[in-house]
Structures are given as structure tokens and as C-alpha cells.
Amino acid sequence: MESGDNILRASSPRLSSSNLWRNDGREVFSHSSRDEDDEEALKWAALEKLPTFVRIQRGILTEEGGKPREIDIKKLGVIERKNLLERLVKIAEDDNEKFLLKLKKRIDR
């Protein structure tokens, strides 16, 4: 349920007061992750609107703390480039390994 729905629900006189205060336990904890996902989606949307040449040079990098930040690929230092490449290679290796394990399990069945 979106926060806009909560506002409409609270302003509607036809709804009972019990509906106003009812809350799922899951929803309390999902707001922060949903907000972070929305923020990252907005950043990606802004990058997609850039001209192609500029868009190729920029990206969003998620730091170790989980905080996404916009980066300019051309302005990365040597150490940052090395870390980025190692991270990308590691992700590819992990994906490959998962794929091969799933394929092996399927063949063994």
C-alpha cells in the first residue's frame, strides 16, 4: 500500500476508525527499503534521460554500506576502477557458478 493511499484512507469519512489504525507488522519495516528502492529508481530514471554520450559515462554504484551514489566513470581513480572491475568480475563469477550448479542439479534429476 502506498503512502498516498494512507492519506486518502484517513480523509475518507466512510471508513471505520479501526481501519485507520490497523497496520501490518510487515509494512512497518518495508517502508525504509521501499523508500531506498524508490530513491535508486529515481536516480536511474534521471540517468536515462541524459544524452547517450553522457549516460555512457555515468552509473550508480552501491557502496558497502548499501548507499547508492552516482559516479562518473571517467573521473574514477585507479584504486576505484580496480575495485569496480573486481566487483563486476566477482558478480559474473558468482552468477556463472550459480547457473552451473542449477544446471548440474537439473541434469542429475
N, C-alpha and C. Protein backbone atom coordinates (compact mmCIF):
# COMPACT_ATOMS: atom_id res chain seq x y z
N MET A 1 0.84 -1.17 0.00
CA MET A 1 0.00 0.00 0.00
C MET A 1 0.89 1.23 0.00
N GLU A 2 0.63 2.17 -0.86
CA GLU A 2 1.43 3.37 -0.99
C GLU A 2 1.01 4.40 0.05
N SER A 3 1.91 5.33 0.37
CA SER A 3 1.62 6.34 1.37
C SER A 3 0.48 7.23 0.92
N GLY A 4 0.30 7.44 -0.39
CA GLY A 4 -0.82 8.23 -0.90
C GLY A 4 -2.14 7.58 -0.56
N ASP A 5 -2.18 6.24 -0.57
CA ASP A 5 -3.39 5.52 -0.19
C ASP A 5 -3.71 5.76 1.28
N ASN A 6 -2.70 5.86 2.13
CA ASN A 6 -2.93 6.12 3.54
C ASN A 6 -3.58 7.47 3.75
N ILE A 7 -3.16 8.46 2.99
CA ILE A 7 -3.74 9.80 3.12
C ILE A 7 -5.19 9.77 2.70
N LEU A 8 -5.50 9.11 1.57
CA LEU A 8 -6.87 9.03 1.12
C LEU A 8 -7.73 8.26 2.11
N ARG A 9 -7.20 7.21 2.66
CA ARG A 9 -7.94 6.41 3.62
C ARG A 9 -8.28 7.24 4.86
N ALA A 10 -7.33 8.00 5.35
CA ALA A 10 -7.56 8.79 6.55
C ALA A 10 -8.56 9.91 6.31
N SER A 11 -8.66 10.42 5.08
CA SER A 11 -9.55 11.54 4.83
C SER A 11 -10.95 11.09 4.45
N SER A 12 -11.16 9.81 4.25
CA SER A 12 -12.47 9.31 3.86
C SER A 12 -13.34 9.10 5.09
N PRO A 13 -14.50 9.79 5.18
CA PRO A 13 -15.35 9.65 6.36
C PRO A 13 -16.09 8.33 6.40
N ARG A 14 -16.17 7.61 5.29
CA ARG A 14 -16.93 6.37 5.24
C ARG A 14 -16.21 5.21 5.91
N LEU A 15 -14.93 5.31 6.08
CA LEU A 15 -14.16 4.22 6.67
C LEU A 15 -14.27 4.23 8.18
N SER A 16 -14.29 3.06 8.76
CA SER A 16 -14.36 2.99 10.22
C SER A 16 -13.02 3.36 10.83
N SER A 17 -13.04 3.77 12.08
CA SER A 17 -11.80 4.19 12.74
C SER A 17 -10.84 3.03 12.93
N SER A 18 -11.35 1.80 13.01
CA SER A 18 -10.45 0.66 13.18
C SER A 18 -9.56 0.47 11.96
N ASN A 19 -10.06 0.79 10.78
CA ASN A 19 -9.24 0.69 9.57
C ASN A 19 -8.13 1.72 9.56
N LEU A 20 -8.37 2.85 10.20
CA LEU A 20 -7.36 3.91 10.20
C LEU A 20 -6.12 3.49 10.98
N TRP A 21 -6.29 2.73 12.04
CA TRP A 21 -5.17 2.41 12.92
C TRP A 21 -4.62 1.02 12.69
N ARG A 22 -5.27 0.24 11.86
CA ARG A 22 -4.79 -1.11 11.59
C ARG A 22 -3.53 -1.03 10.73
N ASN A 23 -2.55 -1.83 11.11
CA ASN A 23 -1.28 -1.79 10.39
C ASN A 23 -0.66 -3.17 10.40
N ASP A 24 -0.20 -3.60 9.26
CA ASP A 24 0.53 -4.86 9.16
C ASP A 24 1.91 -4.70 9.77
N GLY A 25 2.40 -5.68 10.48
CA GLY A 25 3.75 -5.61 11.02
C GLY A 25 4.80 -5.56 9.92
N ARG A 26 4.53 -6.23 8.80
CA ARG A 26 5.48 -6.23 7.68
C ARG A 26 5.63 -4.84 7.09
N GLU A 27 4.55 -4.09 7.04
CA GLU A 27 4.58 -2.78 6.40
C GLU A 27 5.47 -1.80 7.15
N VAL A 28 5.57 -1.93 8.45
CA VAL A 28 6.39 -1.02 9.24
C VAL A 28 7.84 -1.09 8.80
N PHE A 29 8.34 -2.29 8.56
CA PHE A 29 9.74 -2.47 8.22
C PHE A 29 10.01 -2.32 6.73
N SER A 30 8.98 -2.44 5.90
CA SER A 30 9.20 -2.38 4.46
C SER A 30 9.28 -0.96 3.93
N HIS A 31 8.84 0.03 4.69
CA HIS A 31 8.86 1.41 4.20
C HIS A 31 10.26 1.88 3.89
N SER A 32 11.22 1.62 4.77
CA SER A 32 12.57 2.15 4.55
C SER A 32 13.20 1.51 3.32
N SER A 33 13.05 0.20 3.14
CA SER A 33 13.64 -0.43 1.97
C SER A 33 12.92 -0.01 0.70
N ARG A 34 11.61 0.18 0.78
CA ARG A 34 10.86 0.64 -0.38
C ARG A 34 11.26 2.06 -0.75
N ASP A 35 11.46 2.90 0.26
CA ASP A 35 11.91 4.27 0.00
C ASP A 35 13.28 4.29 -0.64
N GLU A 36 14.18 3.43 -0.17
CA GLU A 36 15.52 3.35 -0.76
C GLU A 36 15.44 2.86 -2.20
N ASP A 37 14.57 1.88 -2.46
CA ASP A 37 14.40 1.39 -3.82
C ASP A 37 13.83 2.48 -4.72
N ASP A 38 12.87 3.24 -4.19
CA ASP A 38 12.29 4.34 -4.95
C ASP A 38 13.34 5.40 -5.26
N GLU A 39 14.19 5.70 -4.28
CA GLU A 39 15.24 6.69 -4.49
C GLU A 39 16.21 6.23 -5.57
N GLU A 40 16.59 4.97 -5.53
CA GLU A 40 17.50 4.44 -6.54
C GLU A 40 16.83 4.43 -7.91
N ALA A 41 15.55 4.08 -7.97
CA ALA A 41 14.83 4.08 -9.24
C ALA A 41 14.76 5.49 -9.83
N LEU A 42 14.56 6.48 -8.97
CA LEU A 42 14.54 7.87 -9.44
C LEU A 42 15.90 8.29 -10.00
N LYS A 43 16.97 7.85 -9.34
CA LYS A 43 18.31 8.18 -9.83
C LYS A 43 18.54 7.54 -11.20
N TRP A 44 18.13 6.27 -11.36
CA TRP A 44 18.30 5.61 -12.65
C TRP A 44 17.46 6.30 -13.72
N ALA A 45 16.25 6.71 -13.37
CA ALA A 45 15.40 7.40 -14.33
C ALA A 45 16.03 8.72 -14.77
N ALA A 46 16.64 9.43 -13.83
CA ALA A 46 17.32 10.68 -14.18
C ALA A 46 18.50 10.42 -15.10
N LEU A 47 19.24 9.35 -14.85
CA LEU A 47 20.37 9.00 -15.72
C LEU A 47 19.91 8.62 -17.12
N GLU A 48 18.77 7.93 -17.21
CA GLU A 48 18.26 7.50 -18.51
C GLU A 48 17.84 8.68 -19.37
N LYS A 49 17.50 9.80 -18.76
CA LYS A 49 17.08 10.99 -19.51
C LYS A 49 18.26 11.78 -20.06
N LEU A 50 19.46 11.46 -19.62
CA LEU A 50 20.65 12.17 -20.10
C LEU A 50 20.93 11.80 -21.56
N PRO A 51 21.63 12.66 -22.28
CA PRO A 51 22.04 12.29 -23.64
C PRO A 51 22.91 11.02 -23.61
N THR A 52 22.89 10.27 -24.68
CA THR A 52 23.56 8.96 -24.73
C THR A 52 25.03 9.04 -24.35
N PHE A 53 25.75 10.01 -24.89
CA PHE A 53 27.18 10.11 -24.63
C PHE A 53 27.45 10.32 -23.13
N VAL A 54 26.66 11.16 -22.50
CA VAL A 54 26.83 11.43 -21.06
C VAL A 54 26.39 10.21 -20.25
N ARG A 55 25.29 9.57 -20.69
CA ARG A 55 24.75 8.42 -19.97
C ARG A 55 25.74 7.27 -19.93
N ILE A 56 26.53 7.11 -20.97
CA ILE A 56 27.52 6.02 -21.03
C ILE A 56 28.59 6.22 -19.96
N GLN A 57 28.88 7.45 -19.63
CA GLN A 57 29.96 7.77 -18.71
C GLN A 57 29.54 7.79 -17.24
N ARG A 58 28.27 7.61 -16.96
CA ARG A 58 27.79 7.69 -15.58
C ARG A 58 27.12 6.39 -15.19
N GLY A 59 27.08 6.17 -13.89
CA GLY A 59 26.42 5.00 -13.36
C GLY A 59 26.11 5.19 -11.90
N ILE A 60 25.43 4.22 -11.32
CA ILE A 60 25.11 4.25 -9.90
C ILE A 60 25.83 3.07 -9.26
N LEU A 61 26.64 3.38 -8.28
CA LEU A 61 27.44 2.38 -7.59
C LEU A 61 26.93 2.26 -6.16
N THR A 62 26.60 1.05 -5.75
CA THR A 62 26.17 0.82 -4.38
C THR A 62 27.40 0.57 -3.53
N GLU A 63 27.57 1.40 -2.51
CA GLU A 63 28.72 1.27 -1.64
C GLU A 63 28.52 0.12 -0.67
N GLU A 64 29.55 -0.18 0.11
CA GLU A 64 29.49 -1.31 1.05
C GLU A 64 28.39 -1.12 2.08
N GLY A 65 28.09 0.11 2.46
CA GLY A 65 27.04 0.38 3.42
C GLY A 65 25.65 0.25 2.83
N GLY A 66 25.55 0.01 1.52
CA GLY A 66 24.27 -0.13 0.86
C GLY A 66 23.73 1.18 0.31
N LYS A 67 24.48 2.24 0.46
CA LYS A 67 24.05 3.56 0.00
C LYS A 67 24.45 3.75 -1.46
N PRO A 68 23.48 3.91 -2.38
CA PRO A 68 23.84 4.13 -3.79
C PRO A 68 24.30 5.56 -4.03
N ARG A 69 25.28 5.71 -4.91
CA ARG A 69 25.74 7.05 -5.28
C ARG A 69 26.02 7.08 -6.77
N GLU A 70 25.80 8.25 -7.36
CA GLU A 70 26.07 8.44 -8.78
C GLU A 70 27.56 8.66 -8.98
N ILE A 71 28.12 7.99 -9.98
CA ILE A 71 29.55 8.15 -10.24
C ILE A 71 29.77 8.50 -11.71
N ASP A 72 30.86 9.20 -11.97
CA ASP A 72 31.30 9.49 -13.33
C ASP A 72 32.46 8.55 -13.60
N ILE A 73 32.28 7.63 -14.53
CA ILE A 73 33.27 6.59 -14.80
C ILE A 73 34.62 7.18 -15.19
N LYS A 74 34.60 8.27 -15.94
CA LYS A 74 35.85 8.86 -16.41
C LYS A 74 36.65 9.48 -15.27
N LYS A 75 35.99 9.84 -14.18
CA LYS A 75 36.67 10.51 -13.08
C LYS A 75 37.06 9.58 -11.94
N LEU A 76 36.90 8.27 -12.13
CA LEU A 76 37.29 7.32 -11.10
C LEU A 76 38.81 7.24 -11.02
N GLY A 77 39.31 7.13 -9.81
CA GLY A 77 40.75 6.95 -9.62
C GLY A 77 41.16 5.53 -9.93
N VAL A 78 42.45 5.28 -9.89
CA VAL A 78 42.99 3.96 -10.22
C VAL A 78 42.45 2.90 -9.26
N ILE A 79 42.47 3.20 -7.98
CA ILE A 79 42.01 2.24 -6.97
C ILE A 79 40.51 1.99 -7.11
N GLU A 80 39.74 3.06 -7.34
CA GLU A 80 38.29 2.91 -7.51
C GLU A 80 37.96 2.07 -8.74
N ARG A 81 38.69 2.29 -9.84
CA ARG A 81 38.47 1.49 -11.05
C ARG A 81 38.78 0.02 -10.80
N LYS A 82 39.89 -0.22 -10.10
CA LYS A 82 40.29 -1.60 -9.80
C LYS A 82 39.22 -2.28 -8.95
N ASN A 83 38.74 -1.59 -7.92
CA ASN A 83 37.70 -2.14 -7.05
C ASN A 83 36.41 -2.42 -7.83
N LEU A 84 36.05 -1.50 -8.72
CA LEU A 84 34.84 -1.68 -9.52
C LEU A 84 34.97 -2.89 -10.44
N LEU A 85 36.09 -3.02 -11.11
CA LEU A 85 36.31 -4.16 -12.00
C LEU A 85 36.32 -5.48 -11.24
N GLU A 86 36.97 -5.51 -10.08
CA GLU A 86 36.99 -6.73 -9.27
C GLU A 86 35.58 -7.11 -8.84
N ARG A 87 34.80 -6.12 -8.48
CA ARG A 87 33.42 -6.36 -8.07
C ARG A 87 32.59 -6.92 -9.22
N LEU A 88 32.75 -6.34 -10.41
CA LEU A 88 32.00 -6.81 -11.57
C LEU A 88 32.40 -8.23 -11.95
N VAL A 89 33.68 -8.53 -11.90
CA VAL A 89 34.16 -9.88 -12.23
C VAL A 89 33.65 -10.88 -11.20
N LYS A 90 33.66 -10.49 -9.93
CA LYS A 90 33.18 -11.38 -8.87
C LYS A 90 31.70 -11.70 -9.06
N ILE A 91 30.91 -10.69 -9.42
CA ILE A 91 29.49 -10.89 -9.65
C ILE A 91 29.28 -11.86 -10.81
N ALA A 92 30.04 -11.68 -11.87
CA ALA A 92 29.93 -12.58 -13.04
C ALA A 92 30.31 -14.01 -12.66
N GLU A 93 31.37 -14.16 -11.87
CA GLU A 93 31.79 -15.50 -11.45
C GLU A 93 30.73 -16.15 -10.57
N ASP A 94 30.16 -15.38 -9.65
CA ASP A 94 29.11 -15.92 -8.77
C ASP A 94 27.89 -16.34 -9.59
N ASP A 95 27.49 -15.50 -10.54
CA ASP A 95 26.34 -15.84 -11.39
C ASP A 95 26.62 -17.09 -12.20
N ASN A 96 27.82 -17.19 -12.74
CA ASN A 96 28.21 -18.36 -13.51
C ASN A 96 28.15 -19.62 -12.65
N GLU A 97 28.70 -19.51 -11.44
CA GLU A 97 28.71 -20.66 -10.54
C GLU A 97 27.29 -21.10 -10.18
N LYS A 98 26.43 -20.14 -9.88
CA LYS A 98 25.03 -20.47 -9.57
C LYS A 98 24.35 -21.15 -10.75
N PHE A 99 24.58 -20.61 -11.94
CA PHE A 99 23.99 -21.19 -13.14
C PHE A 99 24.45 -22.64 -13.34
N LEU A 100 25.75 -22.87 -13.21
CA LEU A 100 26.28 -24.22 -13.42
C LEU A 100 25.77 -25.19 -12.36
N LEU A 101 25.65 -24.74 -11.11
CA LEU A 101 25.11 -25.61 -10.06
C LEU A 101 23.66 -25.97 -10.33
N LYS A 102 22.86 -25.00 -10.78
CA LYS A 102 21.46 -25.27 -11.11
C LYS A 102 21.36 -26.23 -12.28
N LEU A 103 22.22 -26.05 -13.27
CA LEU A 103 22.23 -26.93 -14.44
C LEU A 103 22.60 -28.35 -14.03
N LYS A 104 23.59 -28.48 -13.15
CA LYS A 104 24.01 -29.81 -12.67
C LYS A 104 22.87 -30.49 -11.92
N LYS A 105 22.19 -29.75 -11.06
CA LYS A 105 21.06 -30.32 -10.31
C LYS A 105 19.97 -30.79 -11.26
N ARG A 106 19.71 -30.00 -12.28
CA ARG A 106 18.67 -30.36 -13.24
C ARG A 106 19.05 -31.62 -14.01
N ILE A 107 20.31 -31.73 -14.40
CA ILE A 107 20.77 -32.91 -15.14
C ILE A 107 20.74 -34.15 -14.24
N ASP A 108 21.10 -33.98 -12.96
CA ASP A 108 21.12 -35.11 -12.03
C ASP A 108 19.72 -35.64 -11.74
N ARG A 109 18.71 -34.83 -11.91
CA ARG A 109 17.34 -35.30 -11.67
C ARG A 109 16.98 -36.24 -12.73
